[in-house]
Amino acid sequence: MQVLAGVGKGATVISVDYLVIAGGGSGGSNGGGGGGAGGYLESNLSLFAGIDYAVVVGNGSTSNAGSGSLSSFDSVSATGGGGGANRSGPNGKNGGSGGGGGSDGFTTAGTGTSGQGSNGGAGADNGAGSAGGGGGGKNSAGSAAGYAGGNAGLGGAGGSGLASSITGSSVTRAGGGGGGCTNAAGTPGSGGSGGGGAGNQAIAGVGVAGTVNTGSGGGGGGQDGGQGGNGGRGVVILKYVDTLTVTIGAGLTGTESAASGGFKRATITAGSGNVSWA
C-alpha cells in the first residue's frame, strides 16, 4: 500500500482490483514482424477513500516497428509492447511483450517483460520467401516465421492474449500481431487471440491494427513497402464495492458501470489524470 502524507488516522481503507494493460507495438514494414502486446498486470491494491490516484492509459504505436506507451495506476506500471522488426531492420523490440523478428539479417525477436508478457517469434530470412515472426502476447510467445519452399514464406502467428473476468464476464485481451510476408505466394501470420492484428502479404498491403483498448500488437506489412498495422491502445479497469462511487478526473475518458454482483467497475479508455472514491 502506498504511504501518503496527509492521510488522517482512521481514514477509510478501500480495496480496488485492477487490470492495467499498456499500448501495443506496431508491426514492421515489408514482410516485417508482428507487434508485441502491451504489458498486462492484474491484481489488487489497498487504497484510501478521498485521495487522488494517478491513471495513465498508453497509446498503441502508429509508426512502423514502433513500441507502445506505458499504462499505469498509482504505483502499478505496465510496459508498452515492443515493435515488430522491419524487413531491413532493426530487430524486434523488447517490451511488455516482444515484437516479432524480420528478415534480411534482422530475424531476432524482442523479449517480453517478466510477469507482463511473452517473447516475440524469430523471423525467416529466405530471400523472396522471407517472412516476419509473430509478436508476443500476454499468455504465449509469438510463433517463429517459416518457409514452405519457392517463394512461400510463412509469417509467424501472434501469441495469445489472456482472459480476465474483472468486468463480470470473461474477455481476452493483449494478443500479439501476426508476421507479414515478402511475396504473394506466402501466408501471413494470424493475430493472437485477444485482439492481435493479422499480417499481410500483398504488394503495399497494410498489416491489420491491434484492437483498441486491448493493448494488442499490430500485424506486419506486406511485400514491396507494405506498412505495419498500428498497435491497440491500452486500458485500465478498476473494480470496487458498490457502496463506493468513483470520480474520473479531467484528462481521462472513462465510465462507471451500474452495480452488479456487489461491485462497480470503472473502465478508463484514454488519457491521463486522477481518480478518487467516496
Protein backbone atom coordinates (compact mmCIF):
# COMPACT_ATOMS: atom_id res chain seq x y z
CA MET A 1 0.00 0.00 0.00
CA GLN A 2 1.29 3.49 -0.83
CA VAL A 3 2.12 5.65 2.21
CA LEU A 4 0.50 9.07 1.70
CA ALA A 5 1.25 12.28 3.55
CA GLY A 6 -1.85 13.96 4.91
CA VAL A 7 -3.95 10.80 5.28
CA GLY A 8 -5.51 11.06 8.69
CA LYS A 9 -5.64 8.29 11.24
CA GLY A 10 -8.85 6.34 10.81
CA ALA A 11 -9.13 7.17 7.09
CA THR A 12 -11.30 4.71 5.19
CA VAL A 13 -9.29 1.96 3.53
CA ILE A 14 -10.76 0.60 0.30
CA SER A 15 -9.88 -2.44 -1.80
CA VAL A 16 -9.53 -1.95 -5.57
CA ASP A 17 -8.95 -4.74 -8.08
CA TYR A 18 -7.20 -3.52 -11.20
CA LEU A 19 -6.39 -4.58 -14.74
CA VAL A 20 -3.71 -2.40 -16.34
CA ILE A 21 -2.74 -3.02 -19.99
CA ALA A 22 -0.24 -0.87 -21.88
CA GLY A 23 -0.40 0.14 -25.54
CA GLY A 24 0.56 -2.46 -28.15
CA GLY A 25 3.52 -2.29 -30.52
CA SER A 26 3.04 -1.80 -34.26
CA GLY A 27 4.02 -4.32 -36.90
CA GLY A 28 7.10 -3.92 -39.06
CA SER A 29 7.06 -2.99 -42.75
CA ASN A 30 7.69 -5.03 -45.92
CA GLY A 31 7.12 -8.51 -44.52
CA GLY A 32 8.10 -7.44 -41.01
CA GLY A 33 7.36 -8.93 -37.64
CA GLY A 34 4.14 -8.54 -35.68
CA GLY A 35 3.96 -6.07 -32.82
CA GLY A 36 4.10 -7.29 -29.24
CA ALA A 37 1.17 -6.79 -26.86
CA GLY A 38 1.37 -4.19 -24.15
CA GLY A 39 2.28 -5.34 -20.64
CA TYR A 40 -0.65 -6.85 -18.73
CA LEU A 41 -0.95 -6.62 -14.93
CA GLU A 42 -3.91 -7.72 -12.80
CA SER A 43 -4.07 -7.74 -9.00
CA ASN A 44 -5.38 -5.71 -6.03
CA LEU A 45 -4.40 -2.58 -4.09
CA SER A 46 -5.47 -1.30 -0.68
CA LEU A 47 -6.05 2.45 -1.04
CA PHE A 48 -7.82 5.29 0.78
CA ALA A 49 -11.15 6.94 0.05
CA GLY A 50 -10.95 10.65 -0.76
CA ILE A 51 -7.40 10.53 -2.17
CA ASP A 52 -6.45 11.14 -5.80
CA TYR A 53 -4.66 8.29 -7.61
CA ALA A 54 -2.95 8.79 -10.95
CA VAL A 55 -4.05 6.86 -14.06
CA VAL A 56 -2.40 6.79 -17.50
CA VAL A 57 -3.75 4.86 -20.50
CA GLY A 58 -0.98 4.15 -23.00
CA ASN A 59 -1.45 4.60 -26.74
CA GLY A 60 -0.62 1.92 -29.25
CA SER A 61 2.19 2.75 -31.67
CA THR A 62 1.19 4.31 -35.00
CA SER A 63 4.62 4.12 -36.69
CA ASN A 64 6.32 1.14 -38.35
CA ALA A 65 8.18 -1.02 -35.83
CA GLY A 66 7.25 1.38 -33.01
CA SER A 67 6.73 0.39 -29.39
CA GLY A 68 3.54 1.17 -27.46
CA SER A 69 3.30 3.52 -24.48
CA LEU A 70 3.03 2.54 -20.82
CA SER A 71 -0.20 2.40 -18.82
CA SER A 72 -0.28 2.91 -15.07
CA PHE A 73 -2.47 3.09 -11.99
CA ASP A 74 -0.97 4.50 -8.79
CA SER A 75 2.29 2.56 -8.26
CA VAL A 76 1.50 -0.10 -10.91
CA SER A 77 3.11 0.43 -14.33
CA ALA A 78 2.79 -1.78 -17.42
CA THR A 79 5.39 -1.54 -20.21
CA GLY A 80 4.37 -0.79 -23.79
CA GLY A 81 4.52 -3.62 -26.32
CA GLY A 82 7.65 -3.96 -28.46
CA GLY A 83 7.53 -3.05 -32.14
CA GLY A 84 7.92 -5.77 -34.76
CA ALA A 85 11.04 -5.66 -36.92
CA ASN A 86 11.04 -4.08 -40.37
CA ARG A 87 12.35 -6.44 -43.06
CA SER A 88 15.55 -4.42 -43.26
CA GLY A 89 15.87 -3.84 -39.53
CA PRO A 90 16.21 -3.09 -36.74
CA ASN A 91 15.40 -6.34 -34.93
CA GLY A 92 12.18 -6.84 -32.99
CA LYS A 93 11.98 -4.57 -29.96
CA ASN A 94 11.69 -5.55 -26.31
CA GLY A 95 8.57 -4.53 -24.40
CA GLY A 96 5.68 -5.76 -22.27
CA SER A 97 5.61 -8.50 -24.90
CA GLY A 98 8.36 -8.58 -27.52
CA GLY A 99 7.97 -7.73 -31.19
CA GLY A 100 8.49 -10.38 -33.87
CA GLY A 101 11.72 -10.60 -35.85
CA GLY A 102 12.08 -9.60 -39.51
CA SER A 103 14.43 -10.85 -42.23
CA ASP A 104 17.45 -9.73 -44.32
CA GLY A 105 19.70 -10.37 -41.32
CA PHE A 106 17.31 -8.91 -38.73
CA THR A 107 15.46 -12.05 -37.65
CA THR A 108 15.93 -11.63 -33.89
CA ALA A 109 12.73 -11.12 -31.91
CA GLY A 110 12.21 -8.85 -28.92
CA THR A 111 11.81 -10.18 -25.40
CA GLY A 112 8.88 -9.67 -23.05
CA THR A 113 8.93 -8.25 -19.53
CA SER A 114 8.72 -10.82 -16.74
CA GLY A 115 5.20 -11.05 -15.32
CA GLN A 116 3.76 -8.82 -18.05
CA GLY A 117 4.07 -10.66 -21.36
CA SER A 118 5.94 -13.04 -23.64
CA ASN A 119 8.71 -13.05 -26.23
CA GLY A 120 8.23 -12.48 -29.95
CA GLY A 121 8.95 -15.15 -32.57
CA ALA A 122 12.01 -15.14 -34.85
CA GLY A 123 11.75 -14.05 -38.48
CA ALA A 124 12.77 -16.16 -41.50
CA ASP A 125 15.40 -14.91 -43.98
CA ASN A 126 14.93 -16.78 -47.27
CA GLY A 127 15.26 -14.10 -49.94
CA ALA A 128 11.99 -13.68 -51.83
CA GLY A 129 10.28 -16.05 -49.39
CA SER A 130 11.13 -14.08 -46.25
CA ALA A 131 8.56 -13.54 -43.51
CA GLY A 132 8.22 -11.92 -40.10
CA GLY A 133 7.76 -13.64 -36.76
CA GLY A 134 4.69 -13.18 -34.58
CA GLY A 135 4.63 -10.66 -31.76
CA GLY A 136 4.35 -11.98 -28.23
CA GLY A 137 1.04 -12.00 -26.34
CA LYS A 138 0.35 -11.97 -22.62
CA ASN A 139 -0.30 -15.72 -22.45
CA SER A 140 2.16 -17.13 -25.00
CA ALA A 141 5.11 -16.28 -27.21
CA GLY A 142 4.76 -15.36 -30.86
CA SER A 143 5.47 -18.15 -33.36
CA ALA A 144 8.62 -18.15 -35.46
CA ALA A 145 8.28 -17.50 -39.19
CA GLY A 146 8.85 -20.42 -41.58
CA TYR A 147 9.48 -21.33 -45.20
CA ALA A 148 7.49 -23.70 -47.42
CA GLY A 149 9.79 -23.67 -50.48
CA GLY A 150 9.79 -21.49 -53.58
CA ASN A 151 8.75 -18.03 -52.50
CA ALA A 152 6.31 -19.20 -49.86
CA GLY A 153 7.36 -17.58 -46.61
CA LEU A 154 5.12 -18.33 -43.64
CA GLY A 155 4.55 -15.48 -41.22
CA GLY A 156 4.54 -16.39 -37.55
CA ALA A 157 1.28 -16.23 -35.59
CA GLY A 158 0.89 -13.71 -32.80
CA GLY A 159 0.99 -15.02 -29.25
CA SER A 160 -2.31 -15.48 -27.42
CA GLY A 161 -3.80 -13.00 -25.00
CA LEU A 162 -5.18 -13.69 -21.55
CA ALA A 163 -8.79 -13.72 -20.33
CA SER A 164 -9.94 -11.64 -17.36
CA SER A 165 -13.35 -11.53 -15.66
CA ILE A 166 -12.79 -8.19 -13.90
CA THR A 167 -15.76 -6.66 -15.76
CA GLY A 168 -18.06 -9.52 -14.73
CA SER A 169 -17.65 -11.51 -17.95
CA SER A 170 -14.60 -13.20 -19.42
CA VAL A 171 -12.79 -11.08 -22.03
CA THR A 172 -9.46 -11.92 -23.67
CA ARG A 173 -7.02 -9.07 -24.33
CA ALA A 174 -3.34 -8.44 -25.20
CA GLY A 175 -2.79 -10.68 -28.23
CA GLY A 176 0.34 -10.38 -30.40
CA GLY A 177 0.38 -9.29 -34.03
CA GLY A 178 0.99 -11.77 -36.88
CA GLY A 179 4.06 -11.55 -39.12
CA GLY A 180 3.92 -10.30 -42.70
CA CYS A 181 5.35 -11.88 -45.89
CA THR A 182 7.50 -10.54 -48.75
CA ASN A 183 5.81 -12.48 -51.56
CA ALA A 184 2.20 -13.03 -52.65
CA ALA A 185 2.85 -16.79 -52.58
CA GLY A 186 3.42 -16.62 -48.85
CA THR A 187 1.00 -16.92 -45.96
CA PRO A 188 0.91 -14.12 -43.38
CA GLY A 189 0.63 -14.89 -39.69
CA SER A 190 -2.69 -14.71 -37.86
CA GLY A 191 -3.20 -12.31 -34.98
CA GLY A 192 -3.17 -13.73 -31.47
CA SER A 193 -6.43 -14.20 -29.56
CA GLY A 194 -7.46 -11.11 -27.66
CA GLY A 195 -7.22 -8.58 -30.48
CA GLY A 196 -3.89 -9.15 -32.22
CA GLY A 197 -3.78 -7.91 -35.83
CA ALA A 198 -3.01 -10.31 -38.70
CA GLY A 199 -0.07 -9.81 -41.05
CA ASN A 200 -0.31 -9.10 -44.79
CA GLN A 201 1.41 -10.47 -47.91
CA ALA A 202 0.01 -8.26 -50.70
CA ILE A 203 2.01 -5.59 -52.53
CA ALA A 204 1.96 -2.50 -50.29
CA GLY A 205 -0.52 -4.35 -48.05
CA VAL A 206 -1.02 -2.87 -44.58
CA GLY A 207 -1.00 -5.14 -41.54
CA VAL A 208 -4.20 -5.31 -39.51
CA ALA A 209 -4.25 -2.99 -36.49
CA GLY A 210 -4.46 -4.37 -32.96
CA THR A 211 -7.91 -3.92 -31.41
CA VAL A 212 -8.34 -0.66 -29.50
CA ASN A 213 -8.37 -0.92 -25.67
CA THR A 214 -6.92 -4.42 -25.63
CA GLY A 215 -3.24 -3.40 -25.86
CA SER A 216 -2.78 -5.88 -28.73
CA GLY A 217 0.01 -5.76 -31.33
CA GLY A 218 -0.42 -4.81 -34.98
CA GLY A 219 0.30 -7.17 -37.89
CA GLY A 220 3.38 -6.99 -40.12
CA GLY A 221 3.05 -5.33 -43.52
CA GLY A 222 3.08 -6.99 -46.95
CA GLN A 223 5.69 -7.02 -49.68
CA ASP A 224 7.19 -4.04 -51.52
CA GLY A 225 6.73 -1.44 -48.82
CA GLY A 226 3.63 -2.67 -47.03
CA GLN A 227 3.22 -0.82 -43.74
CA GLY A 228 2.83 -2.43 -40.33
CA GLY A 229 -0.53 -2.27 -38.54
CA ASN A 230 -0.93 0.06 -35.58
CA GLY A 231 -0.82 -1.26 -32.04
CA GLY A 232 -4.03 -1.19 -29.99
CA ARG A 233 -4.46 1.40 -27.24
CA GLY A 234 -4.31 0.04 -23.69
CA VAL A 235 -6.92 0.19 -20.95
CA VAL A 236 -7.24 0.50 -17.15
CA ILE A 237 -10.19 -1.25 -15.45
CA LEU A 238 -10.90 -0.84 -11.73
CA LYS A 239 -13.32 -2.91 -9.62
CA TYR A 240 -14.59 -1.94 -6.15
CA VAL A 241 -17.57 -2.47 -3.82
CA ASP A 242 -20.83 -0.92 -4.98
CA THR A 243 -21.15 1.30 -1.89
CA LEU A 244 -18.38 3.46 -3.41
CA THR A 245 -18.62 5.94 -6.27
CA VAL A 246 -15.63 6.87 -8.41
CA THR A 247 -14.73 10.33 -9.67
CA ILE A 248 -12.90 10.15 -13.02
CA GLY A 249 -10.93 13.36 -13.29
CA ALA A 250 -10.15 15.78 -16.12
CA GLY A 251 -7.89 14.38 -18.82
CA LEU A 252 -9.34 10.87 -18.61
CA THR A 253 -12.02 9.22 -20.73
CA GLY A 254 -13.96 6.59 -18.81
CA THR A 255 -17.24 5.34 -17.41
CA GLU A 256 -18.52 3.75 -14.22
CA SER A 257 -20.78 0.73 -14.56
CA ALA A 258 -24.01 0.14 -12.69
CA ALA A 259 -23.74 -2.04 -9.62
CA SER A 260 -23.65 -5.76 -10.35
CA GLY A 261 -22.91 -8.66 -8.02
CA GLY A 262 -21.92 -6.26 -5.23
CA PHE A 263 -19.38 -4.34 -7.32
CA LYS A 264 -18.97 -1.43 -9.71
CA ARG A 265 -16.29 -1.07 -12.38
CA ALA A 266 -14.58 1.99 -13.82
CA THR A 267 -13.29 1.43 -17.37
CA ILE A 268 -10.79 4.09 -18.44
CA THR A 269 -10.05 4.06 -22.14
CA ALA A 270 -7.81 7.07 -22.83
CA GLY A 271 -5.81 9.91 -21.33
CA SER A 272 -4.03 10.73 -18.11
CA GLY A 273 -5.38 12.19 -14.88
CA ASN A 274 -6.63 11.18 -11.44
CA VAL A 275 -9.36 9.04 -9.93
CA SER A 276 -10.76 9.02 -6.40
CA TRP A 277 -13.52 7.27 -4.47
CA ALA A 278 -16.15 8.39 -1.98
